[in-house]
Amino acid sequence: MAFKLAARGVCTLEDLAEQGIDDLADIEGLTDEKAGALIMAARNICWFGDEA
């Protein structure tokens, strides 16, 4: 998954936090639900300082 994200220029948590589900929709094996969960986890860490 990390290689697939990096190939799209998503290399940091901040990069991931700035994505939308539609931006990741065509990654094989990544459902909208999983994409949303990854994005929200990155946002919680980067934007809200919540590492839990």
C-alpha atoms as a PDB file:
ATOM      1  CA  MET A   1       0.000   0.000   0.000  1.00  0.00           C
ATOM      2  CA  ALA A   2       2.814   2.411   0.866  1.00  0.00           C
ATOM      3  CA  PHE A   3       4.387   1.949  -2.566  1.00  0.00           C
ATOM      4  CA  LYS A   4       1.057   2.586  -4.288  1.00  0.00           C
ATOM      5  CA  LEU A   5       0.545   5.785  -2.292  1.00  0.00           C
ATOM      6  CA  ALA A   6       4.121   6.943  -2.865  1.00  0.00           C
ATOM      7  CA  ALA A   7       3.745   6.382  -6.606  1.00  0.00           C
ATOM      8  CA  ARG A   8       0.962   8.994  -6.482  1.00  0.00           C
ATOM      9  CA  GLY A   9       3.099  11.464  -4.544  1.00  0.00           C
ATOM     10  CA  VAL A  10       1.503  10.627  -1.198  1.00  0.00           C
ATOM     11  CA  CYS A  11       4.701  10.235   0.815  1.00  0.00           C
ATOM     12  CA  THR A  12       3.900  11.780   4.199  1.00  0.00           C
ATOM     13  CA  LEU A  13       1.018  11.720   6.654  1.00  0.00           C
ATOM     14  CA  GLU A  14       0.295  15.327   5.690  1.00  0.00           C
ATOM     15  CA  ASP A  15       0.052  14.286   2.033  1.00  0.00           C
ATOM     16  CA  LEU A  16      -2.391  11.544   3.002  1.00  0.00           C
ATOM     17  CA  ALA A  17      -4.410  13.903   5.205  1.00  0.00           C
ATOM     18  CA  GLU A  18      -4.893  16.221   2.229  1.00  0.00           C
ATOM     19  CA  GLN A  19      -6.380  13.465   0.053  1.00  0.00           C
ATOM     20  CA  GLY A  20     -10.030  12.694  -0.501  1.00  0.00           C
ATOM     21  CA  ILE A  21     -11.558   9.269  -0.938  1.00  0.00           C
ATOM     22  CA  ASP A  22     -11.973   9.943  -4.668  1.00  0.00           C
ATOM     23  CA  ASP A  23      -8.231  10.598  -4.955  1.00  0.00           C
ATOM     24  CA  LEU A  24      -7.505   7.063  -3.784  1.00  0.00           C
ATOM     25  CA  ALA A  25     -10.484   5.316  -5.401  1.00  0.00           C
ATOM     26  CA  ASP A  26      -8.560   3.531  -8.134  1.00  0.00           C
ATOM     27  CA  ILE A  27      -5.975   1.874  -5.879  1.00  0.00           C
ATOM     28  CA  GLU A  28      -6.537  -1.856  -6.214  1.00  0.00           C
ATOM     29  CA  GLY A  29      -7.580  -3.521  -2.973  1.00  0.00           C
ATOM     30  CA  LEU A  30      -8.463  -0.262  -1.222  1.00  0.00           C
ATOM     31  CA  THR A  31     -12.165   0.156  -0.528  1.00  0.00           C
ATOM     32  CA  ASP A  32     -13.777   3.543   0.019  1.00  0.00           C
ATOM     33  CA  GLU A  33     -14.249   2.601   3.671  1.00  0.00           C
ATOM     34  CA  LYS A  34     -10.559   1.741   4.156  1.00  0.00           C
ATOM     35  CA  ALA A  35      -9.452   4.844   2.249  1.00  0.00           C
ATOM     36  CA  GLY A  36     -11.655   7.016   4.443  1.00  0.00           C
ATOM     37  CA  ALA A  37     -10.305   5.424   7.601  1.00  0.00           C
ATOM     38  CA  LEU A  38      -6.688   5.965   6.483  1.00  0.00           C
ATOM     39  CA  ILE A  39      -7.350   9.576   5.537  1.00  0.00           C
ATOM     40  CA  MET A  40      -9.147  10.338   8.804  1.00  0.00           C
ATOM     41  CA  ALA A  41      -6.388   8.711  10.866  1.00  0.00           C
ATOM     42  CA  ALA A  42      -3.816  10.872   9.081  1.00  0.00           C
ATOM     43  CA  ARG A  43      -5.948  13.983   9.630  1.00  0.00           C
ATOM     44  CA  ASN A  44      -6.376  13.205  13.312  1.00  0.00           C
ATOM     45  CA  ILE A  45      -2.616  12.919  13.747  1.00  0.00           C
ATOM     46  CA  CYS A  46      -1.554  15.835  11.531  1.00  0.00           C
ATOM     47  CA  TRP A  47      -4.289  18.341  12.104  1.00  0.00           C
ATOM     48  CA  PHE A  48      -5.616  17.540  15.565  1.00  0.00           C
ATOM     49  CA  GLY A  49      -2.566  16.028  17.278  1.00  0.00           C
ATOM     50  CA  ASP A  50      -4.508  12.886  18.191  1.00  0.00           C
ATOM     51  CA  GLU A  51      -2.243   9.851  17.958  1.00  0.00           C
ATOM     52  CA  ALA A  52      -4.748   7.449  19.532  1.00  0.00           C
END
